[in-house]
Amino acid sequence: MRTPSAMTLYLAGGAAALLAASGCGLGLSGGGLGDDPDLPGADAADQTSATIGVVEDTEAGPVVSDSDGYTLYAYTGDTAEPPTSTCSGECAEQWPPALVRGGLSTDGVARSLVGRMKRSDGGTQLTLSGWPLYRFSGDVDPGDVYGQGADGTWFAMTPSGTRAEALPYGTEEGTGGLRDD
């Protein structure tokens, strides 16, 4: 029989192992096919893989998504050549970087458009057409595009590697797709 403190340690260790196995917690940890040495930034030491896919039927049209179907966005304050992320600190809390370790597969997105870049904090962030990718903390369900057009600087990415132009939910340019409910 375990004592309460031993049980607590056991559960804490299990939770830590689960978090470590899940990668960054952005839904980029499942569905991959293993390390792909041809993909920029592939690192044999990494063990978690991901899939970049497409959600066809959103309010912003077809958009790129992570393994769990959550929309991936680009920020116009970043650069694509070379891929550079300027979103950190509070920005990264609202717009978590799409981090990945290990292999990466694509479904509906040309592999030639997908890459990786090292962040200043040491993480490896996914890119599409060179643009660093992010999730939006306001997207509650897979396929949500509530970050589309936010501040006139955040845009869902299309499978062709360009930003989505449609502004969902009756919003105007510069207001983003934030819900009124």
N, C-alpha and C. Protein backbone atom coordinates (compact mmCIF):
# COMPACT_ATOMS: atom_id res chain seq x y z
N MET A 1 0.84 -1.19 0.00
CA MET A 1 0.00 0.00 0.00
C MET A 1 0.88 1.24 0.00
N ARG A 2 0.53 2.19 -0.81
CA ARG A 2 1.33 3.41 -0.93
C ARG A 2 0.86 4.44 0.07
N THR A 3 1.79 5.23 0.57
CA THR A 3 1.44 6.34 1.44
C THR A 3 0.95 7.49 0.59
N PRO A 4 0.21 8.43 1.15
CA PRO A 4 -0.26 9.56 0.35
C PRO A 4 0.88 10.32 -0.32
N SER A 5 2.01 10.48 0.36
CA SER A 5 3.10 11.23 -0.26
C SER A 5 3.71 10.44 -1.42
N ALA A 6 3.78 9.13 -1.31
CA ALA A 6 4.30 8.32 -2.41
C ALA A 6 3.33 8.37 -3.59
N MET A 7 2.03 8.31 -3.31
CA MET A 7 1.03 8.39 -4.38
C MET A 7 1.12 9.76 -5.09
N THR A 8 1.29 10.82 -4.31
CA THR A 8 1.42 12.15 -4.90
C THR A 8 2.62 12.21 -5.82
N LEU A 9 3.76 11.67 -5.36
CA LEU A 9 4.95 11.65 -6.19
C LEU A 9 4.73 10.82 -7.45
N TYR A 10 4.05 9.69 -7.32
CA TYR A 10 3.77 8.83 -8.46
C TYR A 10 2.92 9.57 -9.50
N LEU A 11 1.85 10.24 -9.03
CA LEU A 11 0.98 10.98 -9.94
C LEU A 11 1.70 12.16 -10.58
N ALA A 12 2.51 12.87 -9.79
CA ALA A 12 3.26 14.00 -10.32
C ALA A 12 4.25 13.54 -11.38
N GLY A 13 4.91 12.43 -11.13
CA GLY A 13 5.85 11.89 -12.11
C GLY A 13 5.14 11.48 -13.38
N GLY A 14 3.98 10.88 -13.25
CA GLY A 14 3.19 10.49 -14.42
C GLY A 14 2.74 11.69 -15.22
N ALA A 15 2.32 12.74 -14.52
CA ALA A 15 1.90 13.96 -15.21
C ALA A 15 3.07 14.60 -15.94
N ALA A 16 4.25 14.62 -15.31
CA ALA A 16 5.43 15.18 -15.96
C ALA A 16 5.81 14.38 -17.20
N ALA A 17 5.73 13.07 -17.09
CA ALA A 17 6.05 12.22 -18.24
C ALA A 17 5.05 12.46 -19.38
N LEU A 18 3.77 12.61 -19.03
CA LEU A 18 2.76 12.88 -20.04
C LEU A 18 3.01 14.21 -20.73
N LEU A 19 3.33 15.25 -19.97
CA LEU A 19 3.63 16.55 -20.57
C LEU A 19 4.85 16.49 -21.46
N ALA A 20 5.88 15.79 -21.02
CA ALA A 20 7.09 15.67 -21.83
C ALA A 20 6.80 14.92 -23.12
N ALA A 21 5.97 13.90 -23.06
CA ALA A 21 5.66 13.11 -24.25
C ALA A 21 4.77 13.87 -25.22
N SER A 22 4.02 14.85 -24.72
CA SER A 22 3.09 15.55 -25.59
C SER A 22 3.71 16.73 -26.30
N GLY A 23 4.96 16.99 -26.13
CA GLY A 23 5.60 18.10 -26.83
C GLY A 23 5.18 19.41 -26.23
N CYS A 24 4.75 20.33 -27.04
CA CYS A 24 4.45 21.68 -26.57
C CYS A 24 3.01 21.84 -26.11
N GLY A 25 2.19 20.84 -26.26
CA GLY A 25 0.81 20.96 -25.85
C GLY A 25 -0.04 21.72 -26.84
N LEU A 26 0.42 21.93 -28.05
CA LEU A 26 -0.34 22.67 -29.04
C LEU A 26 -0.98 21.76 -30.07
N GLY A 27 -1.11 20.49 -29.75
CA GLY A 27 -1.72 19.58 -30.69
C GLY A 27 -0.77 19.20 -31.82
N LEU A 28 0.50 19.42 -31.62
CA LEU A 28 1.47 19.10 -32.66
C LEU A 28 2.23 17.84 -32.32
N SER A 29 1.68 17.02 -31.45
CA SER A 29 2.44 15.88 -31.00
C SER A 29 2.02 14.57 -31.62
N GLY A 30 0.95 14.53 -32.36
CA GLY A 30 0.52 13.24 -32.89
C GLY A 30 0.37 13.25 -34.39
N GLY A 31 0.30 12.05 -34.95
CA GLY A 31 -0.03 11.91 -36.34
C GLY A 31 1.13 11.95 -37.31
N GLY A 32 2.34 12.19 -36.84
CA GLY A 32 3.48 12.27 -37.75
C GLY A 32 3.98 10.89 -38.14
N LEU A 33 4.91 10.88 -39.06
CA LEU A 33 5.44 9.63 -39.57
C LEU A 33 6.89 9.42 -39.17
N GLY A 34 7.36 10.10 -38.13
CA GLY A 34 8.75 9.95 -37.72
C GLY A 34 9.61 11.05 -38.29
N ASP A 35 10.91 11.02 -37.94
CA ASP A 35 11.82 12.06 -38.39
C ASP A 35 11.95 12.07 -39.89
N ASP A 36 11.94 13.24 -40.48
CA ASP A 36 12.12 13.41 -41.91
C ASP A 36 13.37 14.25 -42.10
N PRO A 37 14.51 13.62 -42.40
CA PRO A 37 15.76 14.37 -42.51
C PRO A 37 15.74 15.37 -43.65
N ASP A 38 14.80 15.27 -44.59
CA ASP A 38 14.73 16.21 -45.69
C ASP A 38 14.03 17.50 -45.31
N LEU A 39 13.32 17.51 -44.18
CA LEU A 39 12.60 18.69 -43.77
C LEU A 39 13.54 19.60 -43.00
N PRO A 40 13.61 20.88 -43.33
CA PRO A 40 14.52 21.78 -42.62
C PRO A 40 14.30 21.72 -41.12
N GLY A 41 15.38 21.66 -40.37
CA GLY A 41 15.30 21.68 -38.91
C GLY A 41 15.07 20.33 -38.28
N ALA A 42 14.97 19.26 -39.05
CA ALA A 42 14.76 17.93 -38.46
C ALA A 42 15.94 17.58 -37.58
N ASP A 43 15.66 17.06 -36.42
CA ASP A 43 16.69 16.74 -35.44
C ASP A 43 16.45 15.32 -34.95
N ALA A 44 17.40 14.44 -35.19
CA ALA A 44 17.25 13.04 -34.83
C ALA A 44 17.08 12.85 -33.33
N ALA A 45 17.52 13.82 -32.52
CA ALA A 45 17.40 13.68 -31.07
C ALA A 45 15.97 13.93 -30.60
N ASP A 46 15.18 14.65 -31.40
CA ASP A 46 13.79 14.91 -31.03
C ASP A 46 12.97 13.66 -31.26
N GLN A 47 11.88 13.51 -30.47
CA GLN A 47 11.13 12.27 -30.53
C GLN A 47 9.65 12.46 -30.81
N THR A 48 9.14 13.67 -30.77
CA THR A 48 7.73 13.91 -30.97
C THR A 48 7.49 14.36 -32.40
N SER A 49 6.46 13.82 -33.05
CA SER A 49 6.19 14.17 -34.43
C SER A 49 4.85 14.88 -34.54
N ALA A 50 4.59 15.47 -35.70
CA ALA A 50 3.39 16.27 -35.90
C ALA A 50 2.90 16.15 -37.33
N THR A 51 1.66 16.58 -37.54
CA THR A 51 1.08 16.65 -38.87
C THR A 51 0.52 18.05 -39.09
N ILE A 52 0.86 18.64 -40.22
CA ILE A 52 0.25 19.89 -40.65
C ILE A 52 -0.82 19.50 -41.65
N GLY A 53 -2.05 19.92 -41.40
CA GLY A 53 -3.16 19.55 -42.26
C GLY A 53 -3.97 20.75 -42.68
N VAL A 54 -5.17 20.48 -43.17
CA VAL A 54 -6.05 21.53 -43.66
C VAL A 54 -7.45 21.31 -43.10
N VAL A 55 -8.07 22.37 -42.64
CA VAL A 55 -9.48 22.37 -42.30
C VAL A 55 -10.16 23.12 -43.44
N GLU A 56 -10.99 22.41 -44.20
CA GLU A 56 -11.58 22.97 -45.42
C GLU A 56 -12.70 23.97 -45.15
N ASP A 57 -13.56 23.68 -44.21
CA ASP A 57 -14.79 24.43 -44.05
C ASP A 57 -14.75 25.33 -42.82
N THR A 58 -14.04 26.49 -42.93
CA THR A 58 -14.05 27.47 -41.84
C THR A 58 -14.66 28.77 -42.35
N GLU A 59 -14.91 29.67 -41.44
CA GLU A 59 -15.45 30.98 -41.80
C GLU A 59 -14.46 31.79 -42.64
N ALA A 60 -13.18 31.40 -42.63
CA ALA A 60 -12.16 32.10 -43.42
C ALA A 60 -11.76 31.30 -44.65
N GLY A 61 -12.49 30.22 -44.95
CA GLY A 61 -12.13 29.35 -46.06
C GLY A 61 -11.19 28.25 -45.59
N PRO A 62 -10.56 27.51 -46.51
CA PRO A 62 -9.63 26.45 -46.12
C PRO A 62 -8.40 27.05 -45.42
N VAL A 63 -8.05 26.51 -44.26
CA VAL A 63 -6.89 27.02 -43.50
C VAL A 63 -6.01 25.86 -43.05
N VAL A 64 -4.75 26.18 -42.82
CA VAL A 64 -3.79 25.20 -42.32
C VAL A 64 -4.05 24.98 -40.83
N SER A 65 -3.89 23.72 -40.41
CA SER A 65 -4.16 23.38 -39.02
C SER A 65 -3.06 22.49 -38.47
N ASP A 66 -3.07 22.37 -37.14
CA ASP A 66 -2.14 21.45 -36.48
C ASP A 66 -2.76 20.06 -36.42
N SER A 67 -2.10 19.14 -35.73
CA SER A 67 -2.56 17.75 -35.67
C SER A 67 -3.95 17.59 -35.10
N ASP A 68 -4.37 18.54 -34.27
CA ASP A 68 -5.69 18.46 -33.64
C ASP A 68 -6.76 19.27 -34.37
N GLY A 69 -6.41 19.86 -35.50
CA GLY A 69 -7.38 20.60 -36.28
C GLY A 69 -7.51 22.06 -35.91
N TYR A 70 -6.61 22.58 -35.06
CA TYR A 70 -6.65 23.99 -34.68
C TYR A 70 -5.93 24.84 -35.72
N THR A 71 -6.52 25.97 -36.05
CA THR A 71 -6.01 26.88 -37.06
C THR A 71 -4.63 27.40 -36.69
N LEU A 72 -3.77 27.51 -37.71
CA LEU A 72 -2.44 28.09 -37.54
C LEU A 72 -2.39 29.44 -38.24
N TYR A 73 -1.79 30.41 -37.55
CA TYR A 73 -1.77 31.80 -37.99
C TYR A 73 -0.34 32.29 -38.22
N ALA A 74 -0.22 33.35 -39.03
CA ALA A 74 1.03 34.07 -39.21
C ALA A 74 0.82 35.52 -38.76
N TYR A 75 1.91 36.13 -38.32
CA TYR A 75 1.91 37.50 -37.81
C TYR A 75 2.70 38.38 -38.78
N THR A 76 2.10 39.47 -39.23
CA THR A 76 2.77 40.32 -40.20
C THR A 76 3.97 41.07 -39.61
N GLY A 77 4.13 41.06 -38.30
CA GLY A 77 5.30 41.65 -37.65
C GLY A 77 6.53 40.75 -37.72
N ASP A 78 6.35 39.49 -38.11
CA ASP A 78 7.45 38.55 -38.30
C ASP A 78 8.01 38.72 -39.71
N THR A 79 9.07 37.99 -40.02
CA THR A 79 9.59 37.96 -41.38
C THR A 79 9.66 36.51 -41.86
N ALA A 80 9.53 36.36 -43.17
CA ALA A 80 9.59 35.03 -43.78
C ALA A 80 10.99 34.73 -44.32
N GLU A 81 11.75 35.74 -44.69
CA GLU A 81 13.09 35.54 -45.23
C GLU A 81 14.06 36.50 -44.56
N PRO A 82 14.85 36.03 -43.64
CA PRO A 82 14.81 34.68 -43.07
C PRO A 82 13.65 34.56 -42.09
N PRO A 83 13.19 33.33 -41.85
CA PRO A 83 12.10 33.14 -40.89
C PRO A 83 12.51 33.67 -39.51
N THR A 84 11.74 34.65 -39.02
CA THR A 84 12.05 35.27 -37.73
C THR A 84 10.75 35.54 -36.98
N SER A 85 10.69 35.09 -35.73
CA SER A 85 9.54 35.34 -34.88
C SER A 85 9.82 36.52 -33.96
N THR A 86 8.88 37.46 -33.89
CA THR A 86 9.00 38.59 -32.98
C THR A 86 8.01 38.49 -31.83
N CYS A 87 7.25 37.40 -31.80
CA CYS A 87 6.21 37.21 -30.77
C CYS A 87 6.77 36.39 -29.62
N SER A 88 6.94 37.04 -28.47
CA SER A 88 7.42 36.36 -27.27
C SER A 88 6.74 36.98 -26.06
N GLY A 89 7.01 36.46 -24.89
CA GLY A 89 6.43 37.01 -23.67
C GLY A 89 4.92 36.99 -23.68
N GLU A 90 4.29 38.14 -23.41
CA GLU A 90 2.83 38.23 -23.37
C GLU A 90 2.22 37.89 -24.72
N CYS A 91 2.88 38.29 -25.78
CA CYS A 91 2.38 37.96 -27.13
C CYS A 91 2.26 36.45 -27.29
N ALA A 92 3.28 35.72 -26.88
CA ALA A 92 3.29 34.26 -27.03
C ALA A 92 2.28 33.58 -26.10
N GLU A 93 1.81 34.27 -25.07
CA GLU A 93 0.74 33.71 -24.24
C GLU A 93 -0.58 33.77 -24.99
N GLN A 94 -0.83 34.86 -25.70
CA GLN A 94 -2.05 35.02 -26.49
C GLN A 94 -1.97 34.24 -27.80
N TRP A 95 -0.77 34.17 -28.37
CA TRP A 95 -0.51 33.53 -29.66
C TRP A 95 0.61 32.52 -29.47
N PRO A 96 0.33 31.36 -28.89
CA PRO A 96 1.39 30.37 -28.64
C PRO A 96 2.04 29.90 -29.94
N PRO A 97 3.38 29.92 -29.98
CA PRO A 97 4.07 29.43 -31.17
C PRO A 97 3.74 27.96 -31.42
N ALA A 98 3.65 27.59 -32.68
CA ALA A 98 3.42 26.19 -33.06
C ALA A 98 4.77 25.49 -33.02
N LEU A 99 5.08 24.93 -31.87
CA LEU A 99 6.37 24.27 -31.66
C LEU A 99 6.28 22.80 -32.05
N VAL A 100 7.38 22.25 -32.46
CA VAL A 100 7.42 20.84 -32.86
C VAL A 100 8.80 20.28 -32.54
N ARG A 101 8.79 19.01 -32.24
CA ARG A 101 10.04 18.26 -32.08
C ARG A 101 9.87 16.99 -32.88
N GLY A 102 10.90 16.58 -33.56
CA GLY A 102 10.86 15.32 -34.29
C GLY A 102 10.28 15.45 -35.67
N GLY A 103 9.70 14.35 -36.13
CA GLY A 103 9.22 14.26 -37.50
C GLY A 103 7.98 15.10 -37.76
N LEU A 104 7.76 15.34 -39.03
CA LEU A 104 6.63 16.16 -39.44
C LEU A 104 6.08 15.60 -40.73
N SER A 105 4.78 15.45 -40.79
CA SER A 105 4.13 15.04 -42.03
C SER A 105 3.13 16.11 -42.42
N THR A 106 2.72 16.07 -43.68
CA THR A 106 1.74 17.04 -44.16
C THR A 106 0.58 16.29 -44.78
N ASP A 107 -0.59 16.90 -44.72
CA ASP A 107 -1.79 16.34 -45.32
C ASP A 107 -2.55 17.51 -45.95
N GLY A 108 -2.43 17.65 -47.27
CA GLY A 108 -3.11 18.73 -47.97
C GLY A 108 -2.28 19.99 -48.11
N VAL A 109 -1.04 19.96 -47.62
CA VAL A 109 -0.12 21.09 -47.70
C VAL A 109 1.17 20.59 -48.36
N ALA A 110 1.68 21.31 -49.34
CA ALA A 110 2.92 20.90 -50.01
C ALA A 110 4.07 20.88 -49.02
N ARG A 111 4.78 19.77 -48.96
CA ARG A 111 5.92 19.65 -48.04
C ARG A 111 6.96 20.73 -48.28
N SER A 112 7.08 21.18 -49.52
CA SER A 112 8.08 22.20 -49.85
C SER A 112 7.78 23.54 -49.18
N LEU A 113 6.55 23.75 -48.74
CA LEU A 113 6.17 25.01 -48.08
C LEU A 113 6.41 24.99 -46.58
N VAL A 114 6.58 23.80 -46.00
CA VAL A 114 6.67 23.64 -44.55
C VAL A 114 8.13 23.56 -44.11
N GLY A 115 8.45 24.27 -43.06
CA GLY A 115 9.80 24.26 -42.51
C GLY A 115 9.78 24.45 -41.01
N ARG A 116 10.96 24.70 -40.48
CA ARG A 116 11.15 24.93 -39.05
C ARG A 116 12.17 26.02 -38.86
N MET A 117 12.09 26.67 -37.73
CA MET A 117 13.08 27.68 -37.37
C MET A 117 13.34 27.59 -35.88
N LYS A 118 14.53 27.94 -35.47
CA LYS A 118 14.86 28.00 -34.05
C LYS A 118 14.43 29.35 -33.51
N ARG A 119 13.71 29.32 -32.39
CA ARG A 119 13.29 30.54 -31.71
C ARG A 119 14.40 31.01 -30.78
N SER A 120 14.35 32.26 -30.42
CA SER A 120 15.35 32.81 -29.50
C SER A 120 15.30 32.14 -28.14
N ASP A 121 14.13 31.55 -27.78
CA ASP A 121 14.01 30.85 -26.50
C ASP A 121 14.45 29.39 -26.60
N GLY A 122 14.95 28.98 -27.79
CA GLY A 122 15.47 27.63 -27.97
C GLY A 122 14.48 26.64 -28.56
N GLY A 123 13.21 26.98 -28.63
CA GLY A 123 12.22 26.08 -29.21
C GLY A 123 12.33 26.02 -30.72
N THR A 124 11.71 24.99 -31.32
CA THR A 124 11.67 24.85 -32.76
C THR A 124 10.25 25.12 -33.22
N GLN A 125 10.08 26.17 -34.02
CA GLN A 125 8.76 26.62 -34.45
C GLN A 125 8.53 26.25 -35.92
N LEU A 126 7.32 25.81 -36.21
CA LEU A 126 6.94 25.49 -37.58
C LEU A 126 6.81 26.76 -38.40
N THR A 127 7.10 26.65 -39.69
CA THR A 127 6.92 27.76 -40.62
C THR A 127 6.15 27.27 -41.84
N LEU A 128 5.49 28.19 -42.50
CA LEU A 128 4.80 27.92 -43.76
C LEU A 128 5.17 29.05 -44.71
N SER A 129 5.78 28.72 -45.82
CA SER A 129 6.32 29.72 -46.76
C SER A 129 7.25 30.67 -46.03
N GLY A 130 7.95 30.14 -45.04
CA GLY A 130 8.89 30.93 -44.26
C GLY A 130 8.29 31.64 -43.07
N TRP A 131 6.97 31.80 -43.03
CA TRP A 131 6.31 32.53 -41.93
C TRP A 131 6.18 31.64 -40.69
N PRO A 132 6.66 32.09 -39.53
CA PRO A 132 6.45 31.34 -38.29
C PRO A 132 4.95 31.18 -38.02
N LEU A 133 4.56 30.01 -37.51
CA LEU A 133 3.15 29.70 -37.27
C LEU A 133 2.82 29.73 -35.79
N TYR A 134 1.57 30.12 -35.49
CA TYR A 134 1.07 30.25 -34.13
C TYR A 134 -0.36 29.72 -34.05
N ARG A 135 -0.76 29.35 -32.83
CA ARG A 135 -2.18 29.13 -32.54
C ARG A 135 -2.71 30.39 -31.88
N PHE A 136 -4.02 30.50 -31.79
CA PHE A 136 -4.65 31.63 -31.10
C PHE A 136 -5.34 31.11 -29.86
N SER A 137 -5.08 31.71 -28.72
CA SER A 137 -5.65 31.23 -27.46
C SER A 137 -7.16 31.37 -27.43
N GLY A 138 -7.74 32.21 -28.27
CA GLY A 138 -9.18 32.39 -28.31
C GLY A 138 -9.92 31.36 -29.16
N ASP A 139 -9.20 30.54 -29.90
CA ASP A 139 -9.83 29.46 -30.66
C ASP A 139 -10.13 28.32 -29.70
N VAL A 140 -11.41 28.06 -29.50
CA VAL A 140 -11.85 27.07 -28.52
C VAL A 140 -11.94 25.68 -29.11
N ASP A 141 -12.44 25.58 -30.32
CA ASP A 141 -12.66 24.29 -30.97
C ASP A 141 -11.85 24.18 -32.25
N PRO A 142 -11.53 22.95 -32.66
CA PRO A 142 -10.87 22.79 -33.96
C PRO A 142 -11.68 23.48 -35.06
N GLY A 143 -10.98 24.14 -35.98
CA GLY A 143 -11.65 24.84 -37.07
C GLY A 143 -12.07 26.27 -36.75
N ASP A 144 -11.97 26.69 -35.47
CA ASP A 144 -12.26 28.09 -35.14
C ASP A 144 -11.23 28.98 -35.81
N VAL A 145 -11.63 30.16 -36.22
CA VAL A 145 -10.73 31.15 -36.82
C VAL A 145 -10.95 32.52 -36.18
N TYR A 146 -11.12 32.52 -34.86
CA TYR A 146 -11.41 33.77 -34.15
C TYR A 146 -10.24 34.75 -34.17
N GLY A 147 -9.04 34.27 -34.49
CA GLY A 147 -7.89 35.17 -34.58
C GLY A 147 -7.71 35.80 -35.94
N GLN A 148 -8.50 35.39 -36.93
CA GLN A 148 -8.35 35.87 -38.29
C GLN A 148 -8.55 37.38 -38.37
N GLY A 149 -7.52 38.09 -38.83
CA GLY A 149 -7.59 39.54 -39.01
C GLY A 149 -7.39 40.33 -37.74
N ALA A 150 -7.08 39.68 -36.62
CA ALA A 150 -6.92 40.39 -35.35
C ALA A 150 -5.88 41.50 -35.49
N ASP A 151 -6.24 42.68 -35.06
CA ASP A 151 -5.38 43.87 -35.10
C ASP A 151 -4.87 44.17 -36.51
N GLY A 152 -5.45 43.56 -37.51
CA GLY A 152 -4.99 43.74 -38.88
C GLY A 152 -3.61 43.17 -39.12
N THR A 153 -3.13 42.30 -38.19
CA THR A 153 -1.77 41.77 -38.30
C THR A 153 -1.68 40.25 -38.16
N TRP A 154 -2.74 39.59 -37.75
CA TRP A 154 -2.74 38.13 -37.56
C TRP A 154 -3.68 37.50 -38.58
N PHE A 155 -3.18 36.51 -39.31
CA PHE A 155 -3.97 35.91 -40.37
C PHE A 155 -3.80 34.39 -40.39
N ALA A 156 -4.93 33.70 -40.54
CA ALA A 156 -4.87 32.25 -40.76
C ALA A 156 -4.14 32.02 -42.07
N MET A 157 -3.42 30.91 -42.14
CA MET A 157 -2.67 30.59 -43.36
C MET A 157 -3.44 29.59 -44.20
N THR A 158 -3.37 29.76 -45.52
CA THR A 158 -4.05 28.85 -46.45
C THR A 158 -3.10 27.72 -46.83
N PRO A 159 -3.64 26.64 -47.39
CA PRO A 159 -2.78 25.53 -47.81
C PRO A 159 -1.76 25.91 -48.89
N SER A 160 -1.98 27.00 -49.59
CA SER A 160 -1.02 27.44 -50.61
C SER A 160 0.11 28.28 -50.02
N GLY A 161 0.09 28.51 -48.69
CA GLY A 161 1.15 29.25 -48.03
C GLY A 161 0.95 30.75 -48.00
N THR A 162 -0.27 31.20 -48.29
CA THR A 162 -0.59 32.62 -48.23
C THR A 162 -1.57 32.86 -47.08
N ARG A 163 -1.76 34.12 -46.74
CA ARG A 163 -2.70 34.40 -45.65
C ARG A 163 -4.12 34.41 -46.16
N ALA A 164 -5.03 33.96 -45.32
CA ALA A 164 -6.46 33.99 -45.64
C ALA A 164 -6.92 35.45 -45.65
N GLU A 165 -7.79 35.78 -46.55
CA GLU A 165 -8.27 37.15 -46.67
C GLU A 165 -9.64 37.35 -46.05
N ALA A 166 -10.47 36.30 -46.02
CA ALA A 166 -11.83 36.43 -45.50
C ALA A 166 -11.80 36.79 -44.02
N LEU A 167 -12.64 37.72 -43.64
CA LEU A 167 -12.79 38.10 -42.23
C LEU A 167 -14.10 37.52 -41.73
N PRO A 168 -14.02 36.54 -40.84
CA PRO A 168 -15.22 35.83 -40.40
C PRO A 168 -16.05 36.59 -39.38
N TYR A 169 -17.23 36.08 -39.16
CA TYR A 169 -18.10 36.52 -38.07
C TYR A 169 -18.49 37.98 -38.17
N GLY A 170 -18.57 38.53 -39.39
CA GLY A 170 -19.05 39.90 -39.55
C GLY A 170 -18.10 40.96 -39.03
N THR A 171 -16.82 40.63 -38.93
CA THR A 171 -15.87 41.61 -38.41
C THR A 171 -15.40 42.54 -39.52
N GLU A 172 -14.79 43.64 -39.11
CA GLU A 172 -14.19 44.57 -40.05
C GLU A 172 -12.68 44.49 -39.91
N GLU A 173 -11.96 44.91 -40.94
CA GLU A 173 -10.49 44.90 -40.91
C GLU A 173 -10.00 45.57 -39.63
N GLY A 174 -9.04 44.93 -39.01
CA GLY A 174 -8.42 45.50 -37.82
C GLY A 174 -9.05 45.09 -36.51
N THR A 175 -10.21 44.45 -36.54
CA THR A 175 -10.85 44.08 -35.29
C THR A 175 -10.64 42.63 -34.94
N GLY A 176 -10.25 41.82 -35.92
CA GLY A 176 -10.07 40.40 -35.66
C GLY A 176 -11.40 39.69 -35.60
N GLY A 177 -11.33 38.41 -35.46
CA GLY A 177 -12.53 37.60 -35.45
C GLY A 177 -13.01 37.27 -34.06
N LEU A 178 -12.83 38.17 -33.12
CA LEU A 178 -13.22 37.88 -31.75
C LEU A 178 -14.73 37.84 -31.62
N ARG A 179 -15.19 36.90 -30.84
CA ARG A 179 -16.63 36.71 -30.67
C ARG A 179 -17.25 37.83 -29.84
N ASP A 180 -18.52 38.06 -30.10
CA ASP A 180 -19.27 39.04 -29.32
C ASP A 180 -20.10 38.38 -28.21
N ASP A 181 -20.05 37.04 -28.12
CA ASP A 181 -20.91 36.36 -27.15
C ASP A 181 -20.36 36.31 -25.78
